[in-house]
Amino acid sequence: LVHRIQNMRRAADFDIADRIITYYQGDENLSEVVRVHSDYIRQETLSDELLEAPAPSDAHSEDQNFDGIKATVALVRKA
């Protein structure tokens, strides 16, 4: 997940120091992974928030597949 978010940051042309909000939607397995590893994910991706919610329309969003777990991950640069 961290690697995918980092790739998405690059694709969205975010600056290396930009703080972000990460939105995700998937099944309960994804929710559990994010819950267990939230501190690490936030630290490594500079995500100030990890929100299990639909992303705003201006977010950089991608459908992902994590070993059979389908998810949508979206990033928004913090102002």
Protein backbone atom coordinates (compact mmCIF):
# COMPACT_ATOMS: atom_id res chain seq x y z
CA LEU A 1 0.00 0.00 0.00
CA VAL A 2 2.79 2.43 0.88
CA HIS A 3 4.55 1.78 -2.43
CA ARG A 4 1.32 2.34 -4.37
CA ILE A 5 0.60 5.61 -2.54
CA GLN A 6 4.15 6.80 -3.25
CA ASN A 7 3.68 6.00 -6.95
CA MET A 8 0.37 7.86 -6.92
CA ARG A 9 2.06 10.89 -5.33
CA ARG A 10 4.54 10.94 -8.22
CA ALA A 11 1.78 10.48 -10.82
CA ALA A 12 -0.14 13.40 -9.28
CA ASP A 13 3.04 15.52 -9.45
CA PHE A 14 3.03 16.21 -5.72
CA ASP A 15 6.17 17.70 -4.21
CA ILE A 16 8.20 15.31 -2.07
CA ALA A 17 7.35 17.35 1.06
CA ASP A 18 3.61 17.79 0.35
CA ARG A 19 1.34 16.57 3.12
CA ILE A 20 -1.67 14.65 1.86
CA ILE A 21 -5.00 13.16 2.84
CA THR A 22 -5.41 9.56 1.70
CA TYR A 23 -8.88 8.19 1.01
CA TYR A 24 -9.51 4.50 0.52
CA GLN A 25 -12.42 2.18 -0.12
CA GLY A 26 -12.26 -1.59 -0.21
CA ASP A 27 -13.28 -4.65 1.73
CA GLU A 28 -12.80 -5.42 5.42
CA ASN A 29 -9.33 -6.87 4.74
CA LEU A 30 -8.10 -3.52 3.47
CA SER A 31 -9.70 -1.75 6.42
CA GLU A 32 -7.89 -4.07 8.81
CA VAL A 33 -4.52 -3.58 7.10
CA VAL A 34 -4.90 0.19 7.24
CA ARG A 35 -6.03 0.06 10.88
CA VAL A 36 -3.12 -2.13 11.99
CA HIS A 37 -0.46 -0.24 10.01
CA SER A 38 -1.91 3.29 10.04
CA ASP A 39 1.01 4.93 11.86
CA TYR A 40 3.53 3.45 9.43
CA ILE A 41 1.43 4.31 6.37
CA ARG A 42 0.95 7.90 7.53
CA GLN A 43 4.64 8.36 8.32
CA GLU A 44 5.97 6.87 5.07
CA THR A 45 3.48 8.62 2.77
CA LEU A 46 3.17 11.96 4.61
CA SER A 47 -0.56 11.30 4.99
CA ASP A 48 -2.01 13.50 7.70
CA GLU A 49 -5.23 11.50 7.51
CA LEU A 50 -6.28 8.06 6.29
CA LEU A 51 -10.00 8.17 5.61
CA GLU A 52 -12.18 5.22 4.68
CA ALA A 53 -14.56 7.31 2.61
CA PRO A 54 -15.31 8.40 -0.94
CA ALA A 55 -12.79 10.93 -2.17
CA PRO A 56 -13.65 14.45 -3.27
CA SER A 57 -13.98 14.99 -7.00
CA ASP A 58 -10.62 16.80 -7.25
CA ALA A 59 -8.64 13.89 -5.78
CA HIS A 60 -6.06 11.88 -7.71
CA SER A 61 -7.80 8.50 -7.65
CA GLU A 62 -6.79 5.04 -8.85
CA ASP A 63 -8.36 1.61 -8.67
CA GLN A 64 -5.94 -0.85 -7.11
CA ASN A 65 -5.69 -4.61 -6.67
CA PHE A 66 -3.74 -5.81 -3.64
CA ASP A 67 -3.35 -9.57 -4.08
CA GLY A 68 -7.01 -9.96 -4.99
CA ILE A 69 -8.29 -7.19 -2.71
CA LYS A 70 -9.89 -4.58 -4.95
CA ALA A 71 -9.76 -1.03 -3.68
CA THR A 72 -9.93 2.59 -4.69
CA VAL A 73 -7.22 4.86 -3.31
CA ALA A 74 -7.29 8.63 -3.71
CA LEU A 75 -4.97 11.44 -2.67
CA VAL A 76 -5.55 15.11 -2.00
CA ARG A 77 -2.76 17.59 -1.34
CA LYS A 78 -3.29 19.48 1.91
CA ALA A 79 -3.55 23.23 1.58
